Amino acid sequence: MSWIKKRSLLATEAIQFNRWPCIKLDNLWETLHKSFNSAQNCQVNISLLNEISNKEMTTWVSFSKKKIFSIIKNCNNLSTPGPDKLFWRYLKKIIKDKEYNFKMLSTVIIPKPNKVSYDLPKSFWPIVLLNTTSKLSEKMIEERLQFSMIPNNFIHLCQLGGLKHKSTSDVGITLTYFIRSGWVKNLIMSMLAFNITQFFSLLNH
């Protein structure tokens, strides 16, 4: 892959699990699986959903061909494809009805940069590669959900990530505003930031 070839490979050691090196493929797979999917079988308390008030039912409008073209137009032609090996540039030329397995994906394990040692699973990071057609459907559904949820106040005002017009730059601007507002009032401003290792994969949802 082009984004791998441009970097020099890091010196690595055998990944260890319970103080034993994983020298066989089966052991390595079991170690990575337990590390990245440790919350997979955790029970979920669905009674929390009872606290959410009911909203008025809305109608889901079907996607138009124009919407498909508008979404795919801005997709990066150099994006790394998933198991179907279909680049966006191909899909832009052959937009036709095709049968693809939307549940299939590839997972690539890459090393995190600047680690002292690479003998632990947490020194690596899994990247999921979806089929290109799955990405297209995901982008269309994501945009439709935001269009329906934001006007109906389904998303908290403090939620900034993954939303339109609420990018990393917006987070920085908001943070700068709060800091300078405190300075105007002669207050001392401080911030506590959390860097939670493997937060989403280890979280008991």
N, C-alpha and C. Protein backbone atom coordinates (compact mmCIF):
# COMPACT_ATOMS: atom_id res chain seq x y z
N MET A 1 0.83 -1.19 0.00
CA MET A 1 0.00 0.00 0.00
C MET A 1 0.87 1.24 0.00
N SER A 2 0.42 2.27 -0.70
CA SER A 2 1.25 3.46 -0.86
C SER A 2 1.54 4.13 0.47
N TRP A 3 0.58 4.12 1.42
CA TRP A 3 0.79 4.82 2.68
C TRP A 3 1.69 4.03 3.61
N ILE A 4 2.01 2.78 3.25
CA ILE A 4 2.97 1.97 4.02
C ILE A 4 4.35 2.05 3.40
N LYS A 5 4.43 2.04 2.08
CA LYS A 5 5.72 2.00 1.40
C LYS A 5 6.54 3.25 1.65
N LYS A 6 5.88 4.39 1.91
CA LYS A 6 6.59 5.65 2.10
C LYS A 6 7.28 5.71 3.46
N ARG A 7 6.97 4.78 4.36
CA ARG A 7 7.56 4.81 5.69
C ARG A 7 8.53 3.65 5.86
N SER A 8 9.58 3.87 6.64
CA SER A 8 10.50 2.79 6.95
C SER A 8 9.85 1.89 7.99
N LEU A 9 9.99 0.57 7.82
CA LEU A 9 9.37 -0.36 8.73
C LEU A 9 10.03 -0.29 10.10
N LEU A 10 9.21 -0.38 11.15
CA LEU A 10 9.70 -0.29 12.50
C LEU A 10 10.24 -1.64 12.96
N ALA A 11 11.23 -1.59 13.86
CA ALA A 11 11.74 -2.82 14.46
C ALA A 11 10.68 -3.37 15.40
N THR A 12 10.33 -4.64 15.23
CA THR A 12 9.27 -5.23 16.04
C THR A 12 9.77 -6.48 16.75
N GLU A 13 9.08 -6.86 17.81
CA GLU A 13 9.35 -8.08 18.54
C GLU A 13 8.08 -8.91 18.54
N ALA A 14 8.20 -10.16 18.98
CA ALA A 14 7.03 -11.03 19.05
C ALA A 14 6.06 -10.48 20.08
N ILE A 15 4.81 -10.35 19.69
CA ILE A 15 3.78 -9.88 20.61
C ILE A 15 3.61 -10.90 21.73
N GLN A 16 3.50 -10.41 22.95
CA GLN A 16 3.35 -11.28 24.11
C GLN A 16 1.94 -11.20 24.66
N PHE A 17 1.45 -12.34 25.13
CA PHE A 17 0.15 -12.41 25.79
C PHE A 17 0.28 -13.31 27.00
N ASN A 18 -0.04 -12.75 28.18
CA ASN A 18 0.16 -13.46 29.44
C ASN A 18 1.62 -13.90 29.58
N ARG A 19 2.52 -12.99 29.14
CA ARG A 19 3.97 -13.17 29.26
C ARG A 19 4.53 -14.26 28.37
N TRP A 20 3.75 -14.74 27.41
CA TRP A 20 4.23 -15.75 26.47
C TRP A 20 4.20 -15.17 25.06
N PRO A 21 5.30 -15.36 24.28
CA PRO A 21 5.33 -14.81 22.91
C PRO A 21 4.38 -15.56 21.99
N CYS A 22 3.75 -14.81 21.09
CA CYS A 22 2.84 -15.42 20.12
C CYS A 22 3.63 -15.75 18.86
N ILE A 23 4.10 -16.96 18.78
CA ILE A 23 4.94 -17.35 17.65
C ILE A 23 4.16 -18.16 16.61
N LYS A 24 2.91 -18.46 16.90
CA LYS A 24 2.06 -19.17 15.95
C LYS A 24 0.91 -18.27 15.53
N LEU A 25 0.42 -18.48 14.33
CA LEU A 25 -0.64 -17.63 13.79
C LEU A 25 -1.91 -17.72 14.63
N ASP A 26 -2.26 -18.94 15.08
CA ASP A 26 -3.45 -19.10 15.90
C ASP A 26 -3.34 -18.32 17.21
N ASN A 27 -2.17 -18.36 17.84
CA ASN A 27 -1.96 -17.63 19.09
C ASN A 27 -2.04 -16.12 18.86
N LEU A 28 -1.46 -15.67 17.74
CA LEU A 28 -1.48 -14.24 17.42
C LEU A 28 -2.91 -13.78 17.19
N TRP A 29 -3.68 -14.56 16.44
CA TRP A 29 -5.07 -14.19 16.18
C TRP A 29 -5.86 -14.12 17.47
N GLU A 30 -5.70 -15.10 18.35
CA GLU A 30 -6.43 -15.11 19.62
C GLU A 30 -6.06 -13.92 20.48
N THR A 31 -4.79 -13.55 20.49
CA THR A 31 -4.32 -12.42 21.28
C THR A 31 -4.91 -11.11 20.78
N LEU A 32 -4.85 -10.87 19.47
CA LEU A 32 -5.39 -9.64 18.90
C LEU A 32 -6.91 -9.58 19.06
N HIS A 33 -7.56 -10.72 18.92
CA HIS A 33 -9.01 -10.77 19.06
C HIS A 33 -9.43 -10.39 20.48
N LYS A 34 -8.75 -10.93 21.49
CA LYS A 34 -9.10 -10.62 22.88
C LYS A 34 -8.74 -9.19 23.24
N SER A 35 -7.73 -8.64 22.57
CA SER A 35 -7.31 -7.27 22.88
C SER A 35 -8.24 -6.24 22.28
N PHE A 36 -8.64 -6.43 21.03
CA PHE A 36 -9.43 -5.43 20.32
C PHE A 36 -10.94 -5.61 20.50
N ASN A 37 -11.38 -6.80 20.95
CA ASN A 37 -12.80 -7.08 21.09
C ASN A 37 -13.15 -7.56 22.49
N SER A 38 -12.48 -6.99 23.49
CA SER A 38 -12.68 -7.46 24.86
C SER A 38 -14.07 -7.17 25.39
N ALA A 39 -14.77 -6.20 24.80
CA ALA A 39 -16.11 -5.86 25.27
C ALA A 39 -17.19 -6.48 24.41
N GLN A 40 -16.81 -7.43 23.55
CA GLN A 40 -17.75 -7.96 22.56
C GLN A 40 -18.94 -8.67 23.22
N ASN A 41 -18.69 -9.45 24.26
CA ASN A 41 -19.75 -10.25 24.88
C ASN A 41 -20.28 -9.64 26.18
N CYS A 42 -19.97 -8.38 26.43
CA CYS A 42 -20.47 -7.71 27.64
C CYS A 42 -21.97 -7.48 27.52
N GLN A 43 -22.67 -7.70 28.62
CA GLN A 43 -24.12 -7.48 28.62
C GLN A 43 -24.43 -5.99 28.61
N VAL A 44 -25.50 -5.65 27.92
CA VAL A 44 -25.91 -4.25 27.80
C VAL A 44 -27.23 -4.05 28.53
N ASN A 45 -27.29 -3.04 29.35
CA ASN A 45 -28.51 -2.72 30.09
C ASN A 45 -29.41 -1.86 29.21
N ILE A 46 -30.32 -2.50 28.49
CA ILE A 46 -31.17 -1.78 27.53
C ILE A 46 -32.26 -0.98 28.23
N SER A 47 -32.40 -1.13 29.55
CA SER A 47 -33.41 -0.35 30.26
C SER A 47 -33.09 1.14 30.21
N LEU A 48 -31.83 1.48 29.89
CA LEU A 48 -31.46 2.89 29.75
C LEU A 48 -32.25 3.57 28.64
N LEU A 49 -32.71 2.78 27.67
CA LEU A 49 -33.48 3.35 26.56
C LEU A 49 -34.83 3.87 27.02
N ASN A 50 -35.31 3.38 28.17
CA ASN A 50 -36.60 3.83 28.68
C ASN A 50 -36.57 5.30 29.11
N GLU A 51 -35.37 5.81 29.36
CA GLU A 51 -35.24 7.19 29.79
C GLU A 51 -35.36 8.18 28.62
N ILE A 52 -35.30 7.66 27.40
CA ILE A 52 -35.39 8.51 26.22
C ILE A 52 -36.85 8.75 25.88
N SER A 53 -37.23 9.98 25.79
CA SER A 53 -38.62 10.31 25.46
C SER A 53 -38.93 9.98 24.01
N ASN A 54 -40.17 9.59 23.76
CA ASN A 54 -40.59 9.25 22.41
C ASN A 54 -40.68 10.50 21.54
N LYS A 55 -40.26 10.34 20.29
CA LYS A 55 -40.32 11.44 19.34
C LYS A 55 -41.36 11.11 18.26
N GLU A 56 -41.80 12.13 17.59
CA GLU A 56 -42.77 11.94 16.53
C GLU A 56 -42.14 11.14 15.38
N MET A 57 -42.86 10.17 14.90
CA MET A 57 -42.34 9.32 13.83
C MET A 57 -42.21 10.11 12.53
N THR A 58 -41.09 9.93 11.87
CA THR A 58 -40.85 10.62 10.60
C THR A 58 -40.75 9.60 9.47
N THR A 59 -40.89 10.06 8.26
CA THR A 59 -40.84 9.20 7.08
C THR A 59 -39.43 9.19 6.49
N TRP A 60 -38.94 7.99 6.18
CA TRP A 60 -37.63 7.86 5.57
C TRP A 60 -37.78 7.98 4.05
N VAL A 61 -37.21 9.04 3.50
CA VAL A 61 -37.31 9.29 2.07
C VAL A 61 -36.27 8.47 1.32
N SER A 62 -36.67 7.83 0.26
CA SER A 62 -35.76 6.99 -0.53
C SER A 62 -34.65 7.84 -1.14
N PHE A 63 -33.47 7.21 -1.31
CA PHE A 63 -32.34 7.88 -1.92
C PHE A 63 -32.56 8.03 -3.43
N SER A 64 -32.19 9.16 -3.94
CA SER A 64 -32.30 9.39 -5.38
C SER A 64 -30.96 9.14 -6.06
N LYS A 65 -31.01 8.96 -7.36
CA LYS A 65 -29.78 8.78 -8.12
C LYS A 65 -28.90 10.02 -8.04
N LYS A 66 -29.53 11.19 -7.99
CA LYS A 66 -28.78 12.44 -7.86
C LYS A 66 -28.02 12.49 -6.55
N LYS A 67 -28.64 11.98 -5.47
CA LYS A 67 -27.97 11.97 -4.17
C LYS A 67 -26.74 11.05 -4.19
N ILE A 68 -26.86 9.90 -4.86
CA ILE A 68 -25.72 8.98 -4.96
C ILE A 68 -24.55 9.66 -5.66
N PHE A 69 -24.83 10.37 -6.75
CA PHE A 69 -23.77 11.04 -7.48
C PHE A 69 -23.16 12.17 -6.66
N SER A 70 -23.97 12.88 -5.89
CA SER A 70 -23.44 13.99 -5.09
C SER A 70 -22.55 13.49 -3.96
N ILE A 71 -22.85 12.31 -3.40
CA ILE A 71 -22.03 11.74 -2.33
C ILE A 71 -20.72 11.20 -2.88
N ILE A 72 -20.80 10.45 -3.97
CA ILE A 72 -19.61 9.79 -4.50
C ILE A 72 -18.65 10.78 -5.16
N LYS A 73 -19.16 11.94 -5.56
CA LYS A 73 -18.32 12.93 -6.23
C LYS A 73 -17.16 13.40 -5.35
N ASN A 74 -17.40 13.50 -4.03
CA ASN A 74 -16.38 14.01 -3.12
C ASN A 74 -15.53 12.92 -2.47
N CYS A 75 -15.70 11.66 -2.88
CA CYS A 75 -14.92 10.57 -2.30
C CYS A 75 -13.51 10.54 -2.89
N ASN A 76 -12.53 10.25 -2.04
CA ASN A 76 -11.13 10.25 -2.44
C ASN A 76 -10.81 9.06 -3.33
N ASN A 77 -10.30 9.33 -4.53
CA ASN A 77 -9.97 8.25 -5.46
C ASN A 77 -8.83 7.36 -4.98
N LEU A 78 -8.01 7.86 -4.04
CA LEU A 78 -6.85 7.10 -3.56
C LEU A 78 -7.14 6.37 -2.25
N SER A 79 -8.39 6.39 -1.78
CA SER A 79 -8.74 5.71 -0.54
C SER A 79 -8.50 4.21 -0.67
N THR A 80 -7.90 3.60 0.38
CA THR A 80 -7.58 2.17 0.35
C THR A 80 -8.86 1.35 0.37
N PRO A 81 -9.05 0.43 -0.60
CA PRO A 81 -10.30 -0.34 -0.69
C PRO A 81 -10.32 -1.51 0.29
N GLY A 82 -11.50 -2.11 0.44
CA GLY A 82 -11.67 -3.28 1.29
C GLY A 82 -11.57 -4.56 0.48
N PRO A 83 -12.27 -5.63 0.91
CA PRO A 83 -12.13 -6.93 0.24
C PRO A 83 -12.55 -6.93 -1.22
N ASP A 84 -13.43 -6.00 -1.62
CA ASP A 84 -13.86 -5.99 -3.03
C ASP A 84 -12.82 -5.37 -3.96
N LYS A 85 -11.77 -4.72 -3.37
CA LYS A 85 -10.69 -4.11 -4.16
C LYS A 85 -11.21 -3.06 -5.15
N LEU A 86 -12.31 -2.45 -4.82
CA LEU A 86 -12.93 -1.49 -5.72
C LEU A 86 -12.62 -0.07 -5.27
N PHE A 87 -11.86 0.65 -6.06
CA PHE A 87 -11.53 2.04 -5.75
C PHE A 87 -12.72 2.94 -6.10
N TRP A 88 -12.76 4.09 -5.45
CA TRP A 88 -13.83 5.05 -5.74
C TRP A 88 -13.81 5.47 -7.22
N ARG A 89 -12.62 5.59 -7.79
CA ARG A 89 -12.53 6.04 -9.19
C ARG A 89 -13.19 5.05 -10.13
N TYR A 90 -13.17 3.75 -9.75
CA TYR A 90 -13.85 2.75 -10.57
C TYR A 90 -15.37 2.89 -10.43
N LEU A 91 -15.80 3.07 -9.18
CA LEU A 91 -17.23 3.14 -8.93
C LEU A 91 -17.84 4.37 -9.59
N LYS A 92 -17.07 5.45 -9.69
CA LYS A 92 -17.57 6.66 -10.32
C LYS A 92 -17.85 6.43 -11.80
N LYS A 93 -17.16 5.46 -12.38
CA LYS A 93 -17.33 5.20 -13.81
C LYS A 93 -18.39 4.13 -14.08
N ILE A 94 -18.62 3.27 -13.13
CA ILE A 94 -19.49 2.11 -13.39
C ILE A 94 -20.69 2.06 -12.46
N ILE A 95 -21.21 3.21 -12.05
CA ILE A 95 -22.33 3.19 -11.11
C ILE A 95 -23.53 2.46 -11.74
N LYS A 96 -23.63 1.20 -11.37
CA LYS A 96 -24.72 0.36 -11.83
C LYS A 96 -25.17 -0.50 -10.66
N ASP A 97 -26.27 -1.22 -10.83
CA ASP A 97 -26.73 -2.12 -9.77
C ASP A 97 -25.84 -3.35 -9.72
N LYS A 98 -25.13 -3.50 -8.62
CA LYS A 98 -24.24 -4.64 -8.43
C LYS A 98 -24.59 -5.33 -7.12
N GLU A 99 -24.31 -6.61 -7.00
CA GLU A 99 -24.54 -7.34 -5.76
C GLU A 99 -23.22 -7.45 -5.00
N TYR A 100 -23.17 -6.84 -3.84
CA TYR A 100 -21.99 -6.90 -2.98
C TYR A 100 -22.41 -7.30 -1.58
N ASN A 101 -21.52 -7.96 -0.88
CA ASN A 101 -21.77 -8.34 0.50
C ASN A 101 -21.39 -7.17 1.39
N PHE A 102 -22.37 -6.47 1.93
CA PHE A 102 -22.10 -5.27 2.70
C PHE A 102 -21.54 -5.59 4.08
N LYS A 103 -21.60 -6.84 4.50
CA LYS A 103 -21.10 -7.20 5.83
C LYS A 103 -19.63 -7.62 5.81
N MET A 104 -19.05 -7.78 4.65
CA MET A 104 -17.65 -8.20 4.57
C MET A 104 -16.72 -7.01 4.77
N LEU A 105 -15.59 -7.26 5.42
CA LEU A 105 -14.61 -6.20 5.63
C LEU A 105 -13.24 -6.83 5.85
N SER A 106 -12.22 -6.02 5.74
CA SER A 106 -10.85 -6.43 6.04
C SER A 106 -10.34 -5.61 7.21
N THR A 107 -9.59 -6.24 8.08
CA THR A 107 -8.98 -5.54 9.20
C THR A 107 -7.46 -5.63 9.08
N VAL A 108 -6.80 -4.47 9.05
CA VAL A 108 -5.35 -4.40 8.95
C VAL A 108 -4.79 -3.94 10.30
N ILE A 109 -3.84 -4.67 10.84
CA ILE A 109 -3.21 -4.31 12.11
C ILE A 109 -1.92 -3.57 11.81
N ILE A 110 -1.82 -2.30 12.20
CA ILE A 110 -0.63 -1.51 11.93
C ILE A 110 0.00 -1.07 13.25
N PRO A 111 1.31 -0.89 13.27
CA PRO A 111 1.99 -0.45 14.51
C PRO A 111 1.77 1.03 14.78
N LYS A 112 1.58 1.38 16.04
CA LYS A 112 1.50 2.77 16.44
C LYS A 112 2.90 3.38 16.39
N PRO A 113 3.02 4.62 15.98
CA PRO A 113 4.35 5.23 15.84
C PRO A 113 4.99 5.55 17.20
N ASN A 114 6.33 5.56 17.18
CA ASN A 114 7.13 6.05 18.31
C ASN A 114 6.92 5.26 19.60
N LYS A 115 6.71 3.95 19.48
CA LYS A 115 6.62 3.11 20.66
C LYS A 115 8.00 2.53 20.99
N VAL A 116 8.32 2.45 22.27
CA VAL A 116 9.61 1.92 22.69
C VAL A 116 9.73 0.45 22.35
N SER A 117 8.64 -0.30 22.54
CA SER A 117 8.64 -1.73 22.26
C SER A 117 7.36 -2.10 21.56
N TYR A 118 7.43 -3.14 20.76
CA TYR A 118 6.26 -3.61 20.03
C TYR A 118 5.97 -5.07 20.36
N ASP A 119 6.06 -5.41 21.65
CA ASP A 119 5.80 -6.77 22.08
C ASP A 119 4.46 -6.91 22.79
N LEU A 120 3.63 -5.84 22.75
CA LEU A 120 2.31 -5.88 23.37
C LEU A 120 1.24 -5.52 22.34
N PRO A 121 0.06 -6.12 22.44
CA PRO A 121 -1.01 -5.82 21.47
C PRO A 121 -1.39 -4.36 21.42
N LYS A 122 -1.32 -3.65 22.57
CA LYS A 122 -1.74 -2.26 22.59
C LYS A 122 -0.78 -1.35 21.83
N SER A 123 0.35 -1.88 21.36
CA SER A 123 1.27 -1.11 20.54
C SER A 123 0.84 -1.08 19.08
N PHE A 124 -0.26 -1.76 18.78
CA PHE A 124 -0.77 -1.83 17.41
C PHE A 124 -2.20 -1.30 17.37
N TRP A 125 -2.65 -0.97 16.16
CA TRP A 125 -3.96 -0.36 15.99
C TRP A 125 -4.68 -1.03 14.83
N PRO A 126 -5.93 -1.49 15.02
CA PRO A 126 -6.67 -2.11 13.92
C PRO A 126 -7.37 -1.07 13.06
N ILE A 127 -7.26 -1.21 11.75
CA ILE A 127 -7.96 -0.34 10.81
C ILE A 127 -8.90 -1.20 9.97
N VAL A 128 -10.16 -0.84 9.94
CA VAL A 128 -11.17 -1.61 9.21
C VAL A 128 -11.33 -1.04 7.81
N LEU A 129 -11.26 -1.91 6.81
CA LEU A 129 -11.42 -1.52 5.42
C LEU A 129 -12.73 -2.11 4.90
N LEU A 130 -13.71 -1.25 4.67
CA LEU A 130 -15.00 -1.68 4.16
C LEU A 130 -14.98 -1.78 2.64
N ASN A 131 -15.92 -2.56 2.10
CA ASN A 131 -16.11 -2.53 0.66
C ASN A 131 -16.50 -1.12 0.24
N THR A 132 -16.07 -0.72 -0.94
CA THR A 132 -16.33 0.63 -1.40
C THR A 132 -17.83 0.92 -1.50
N THR A 133 -18.61 -0.06 -1.93
CA THR A 133 -20.06 0.14 -2.00
C THR A 133 -20.65 0.29 -0.61
N SER A 134 -20.08 -0.39 0.37
CA SER A 134 -20.54 -0.23 1.76
C SER A 134 -20.25 1.18 2.26
N LYS A 135 -19.08 1.70 1.90
CA LYS A 135 -18.73 3.07 2.31
C LYS A 135 -19.72 4.07 1.71
N LEU A 136 -20.11 3.85 0.46
CA LEU A 136 -21.05 4.75 -0.19
C LEU A 136 -22.39 4.75 0.55
N SER A 137 -22.90 3.56 0.87
CA SER A 137 -24.16 3.46 1.60
C SER A 137 -24.03 4.08 2.98
N GLU A 138 -22.90 3.85 3.62
CA GLU A 138 -22.66 4.41 4.96
C GLU A 138 -22.68 5.93 4.94
N LYS A 139 -22.04 6.53 3.93
CA LYS A 139 -22.01 7.99 3.82
C LYS A 139 -23.40 8.56 3.57
N MET A 140 -24.19 7.88 2.75
CA MET A 140 -25.53 8.37 2.45
C MET A 140 -26.43 8.28 3.68
N ILE A 141 -26.35 7.15 4.40
CA ILE A 141 -27.18 6.99 5.60
C ILE A 141 -26.74 7.97 6.67
N GLU A 142 -25.42 8.17 6.80
CA GLU A 142 -24.90 9.12 7.80
C GLU A 142 -25.44 10.52 7.54
N GLU A 143 -25.42 10.94 6.28
CA GLU A 143 -25.91 12.28 5.95
C GLU A 143 -27.41 12.39 6.20
N ARG A 144 -28.16 11.35 5.87
CA ARG A 144 -29.61 11.37 6.07
C ARG A 144 -29.95 11.40 7.55
N LEU A 145 -29.22 10.63 8.37
CA LEU A 145 -29.47 10.61 9.81
C LEU A 145 -29.20 11.98 10.43
N GLN A 146 -28.09 12.61 10.01
CA GLN A 146 -27.79 13.94 10.54
C GLN A 146 -28.86 14.96 10.13
N PHE A 147 -29.34 14.83 8.91
CA PHE A 147 -30.37 15.75 8.42
C PHE A 147 -31.65 15.63 9.26
N SER A 148 -31.94 14.41 9.73
CA SER A 148 -33.15 14.18 10.51
C SER A 148 -32.95 14.45 11.99
N MET A 149 -31.76 14.14 12.52
CA MET A 149 -31.55 14.21 13.97
C MET A 149 -31.23 15.61 14.47
N ILE A 150 -30.42 16.36 13.75
CA ILE A 150 -29.99 17.67 14.25
C ILE A 150 -31.16 18.64 14.40
N PRO A 151 -32.07 18.77 13.42
CA PRO A 151 -33.19 19.70 13.61
C PRO A 151 -34.14 19.29 14.73
N ASN A 152 -34.17 17.98 15.06
CA ASN A 152 -35.06 17.49 16.11
C ASN A 152 -34.38 17.38 17.47
N ASN A 153 -33.17 17.96 17.58
CA ASN A 153 -32.43 18.00 18.85
C ASN A 153 -32.16 16.60 19.41
N PHE A 154 -31.87 15.64 18.53
CA PHE A 154 -31.50 14.31 19.00
C PHE A 154 -30.04 14.25 19.44
N ILE A 155 -29.23 15.21 19.01
CA ILE A 155 -27.80 15.21 19.30
C ILE A 155 -27.49 16.34 20.27
N HIS A 156 -26.75 16.01 21.31
CA HIS A 156 -26.41 17.01 22.33
C HIS A 156 -25.54 18.11 21.71
N LEU A 157 -25.69 19.32 22.20
CA LEU A 157 -24.95 20.46 21.66
C LEU A 157 -23.44 20.31 21.88
N CYS A 158 -23.03 19.53 22.89
CA CYS A 158 -21.61 19.35 23.17
C CYS A 158 -20.96 18.30 22.25
N GLN A 159 -21.77 17.60 21.44
CA GLN A 159 -21.23 16.61 20.53
C GLN A 159 -20.66 17.31 19.30
N LEU A 160 -19.35 17.22 19.10
CA LEU A 160 -18.70 17.93 17.99
C LEU A 160 -18.10 16.99 16.96
N GLY A 161 -17.72 15.79 17.35
CA GLY A 161 -17.04 14.89 16.41
C GLY A 161 -18.00 14.18 15.48
N GLY A 162 -17.61 14.01 14.22
CA GLY A 162 -18.38 13.23 13.27
C GLY A 162 -19.63 13.89 12.74
N LEU A 163 -19.77 15.20 12.95
CA LEU A 163 -20.96 15.92 12.49
C LEU A 163 -20.56 16.99 11.47
N LYS A 164 -21.47 17.29 10.58
CA LYS A 164 -21.21 18.34 9.60
C LYS A 164 -21.11 19.70 10.30
N HIS A 165 -20.18 20.50 9.84
CA HIS A 165 -19.93 21.84 10.37
C HIS A 165 -19.48 21.82 11.83
N LYS A 166 -19.02 20.66 12.31
CA LYS A 166 -18.49 20.56 13.66
C LYS A 166 -17.23 19.70 13.63
N SER A 167 -16.21 20.23 12.95
CA SER A 167 -14.97 19.49 12.73
C SER A 167 -13.99 19.78 13.86
N THR A 168 -12.76 19.27 13.70
CA THR A 168 -11.70 19.52 14.68
C THR A 168 -11.41 21.01 14.78
N SER A 169 -11.47 21.72 13.66
CA SER A 169 -11.24 23.16 13.68
C SER A 169 -12.30 23.87 14.52
N ASP A 170 -13.55 23.41 14.42
CA ASP A 170 -14.62 24.00 15.22
C ASP A 170 -14.40 23.77 16.71
N VAL A 171 -13.88 22.57 17.05
CA VAL A 171 -13.57 22.29 18.45
C VAL A 171 -12.51 23.25 18.96
N GLY A 172 -11.47 23.49 18.13
CA GLY A 172 -10.42 24.43 18.54
C GLY A 172 -10.93 25.84 18.70
N ILE A 173 -11.81 26.26 17.80
CA ILE A 173 -12.37 27.61 17.88
C ILE A 173 -13.23 27.75 19.14
N THR A 174 -14.05 26.73 19.42
CA THR A 174 -14.89 26.76 20.62
C THR A 174 -14.05 26.80 21.88
N LEU A 175 -13.01 25.96 21.92
CA LEU A 175 -12.13 25.93 23.09
C LEU A 175 -11.43 27.28 23.28
N THR A 176 -10.96 27.87 22.18
CA THR A 176 -10.30 29.18 22.26
C THR A 176 -11.26 30.24 22.77
N TYR A 177 -12.52 30.15 22.35
CA TYR A 177 -13.53 31.13 22.81
C TYR A 177 -13.71 31.05 24.32
N PHE A 178 -13.84 29.84 24.85
CA PHE A 178 -14.02 29.67 26.30
C PHE A 178 -12.81 30.19 27.07
N ILE A 179 -11.61 29.89 26.55
CA ILE A 179 -10.40 30.33 27.25
C ILE A 179 -10.31 31.86 27.27
N ARG A 180 -10.52 32.49 26.14
CA ARG A 180 -10.42 33.95 26.07
C ARG A 180 -11.55 34.63 26.85
N SER A 181 -12.72 33.98 26.90
CA SER A 181 -13.81 34.54 27.70
C SER A 181 -13.43 34.55 29.18
N GLY A 182 -12.71 33.51 29.60
CA GLY A 182 -12.25 33.47 30.98
C GLY A 182 -11.19 34.51 31.26
N TRP A 183 -10.32 34.72 30.28
CA TRP A 183 -9.27 35.74 30.46
C TRP A 183 -9.87 37.13 30.63
N VAL A 184 -10.93 37.41 29.87
CA VAL A 184 -11.57 38.72 29.97
C VAL A 184 -12.09 38.96 31.38
N LYS A 185 -12.51 37.88 32.04
CA LYS A 185 -13.04 37.99 33.41
C LYS A 185 -11.94 37.80 34.46
N ASN A 186 -10.65 37.83 33.99
CA ASN A 186 -9.51 37.68 34.90
C ASN A 186 -9.52 36.33 35.62
N LEU A 187 -9.99 35.31 34.94
CA LEU A 187 -10.00 33.96 35.49
C LEU A 187 -8.80 33.18 34.98
N ILE A 188 -8.34 32.21 35.77
CA ILE A 188 -7.27 31.30 35.34
C ILE A 188 -7.92 30.07 34.75
N MET A 189 -7.65 29.80 33.50
CA MET A 189 -8.30 28.70 32.79
C MET A 189 -7.40 27.47 32.77
N SER A 190 -7.99 26.30 32.92
CA SER A 190 -7.26 25.04 32.85
C SER A 190 -8.13 24.02 32.13
N MET A 191 -7.50 22.97 31.62
CA MET A 191 -8.24 21.96 30.86
C MET A 191 -7.70 20.59 31.22
N LEU A 192 -8.60 19.62 31.41
CA LEU A 192 -8.23 18.25 31.68
C LEU A 192 -8.60 17.40 30.47
N ALA A 193 -7.62 16.76 29.85
CA ALA A 193 -7.85 15.95 28.64
C ALA A 193 -7.60 14.48 28.96
N PHE A 194 -8.47 13.62 28.47
CA PHE A 194 -8.34 12.19 28.68
C PHE A 194 -7.89 11.51 27.39
N ASN A 195 -6.87 10.69 27.49
CA ASN A 195 -6.43 9.86 26.36
C ASN A 195 -6.67 8.41 26.75
N ILE A 196 -7.85 7.89 26.42
CA ILE A 196 -8.25 6.57 26.87
C ILE A 196 -7.82 5.53 25.84
N THR A 197 -6.93 4.63 26.23
CA THR A 197 -6.39 3.62 25.32
C THR A 197 -7.50 2.68 24.86
N GLN A 198 -7.62 2.50 23.55
CA GLN A 198 -8.59 1.58 22.95
C GLN A 198 -9.98 1.81 23.54
N PHE A 199 -10.39 3.08 23.63
CA PHE A 199 -11.62 3.43 24.34
C PHE A 199 -12.83 2.69 23.80
N PHE A 200 -13.08 2.76 22.52
CA PHE A 200 -14.31 2.22 21.97
C PHE A 200 -14.32 0.68 21.98
N SER A 201 -13.16 0.06 21.74
CA SER A 201 -13.15 -1.41 21.70
C SER A 201 -13.23 -2.02 23.09
N LEU A 202 -12.81 -1.30 24.13
CA LEU A 202 -12.81 -1.84 25.48
C LEU A 202 -14.01 -1.36 26.30
N LEU A 203 -14.81 -0.47 25.76
CA LEU A 203 -15.92 0.12 26.51
C LEU A 203 -17.08 -0.86 26.62
N ASN A 204 -17.59 -1.03 27.84
CA ASN A 204 -18.78 -1.85 28.04
C ASN A 204 -20.01 -0.98 27.73
N HIS A 205 -20.52 -1.08 26.51
CA HIS A 205 -21.62 -0.20 26.10
C HIS A 205 -22.91 -0.53 26.83
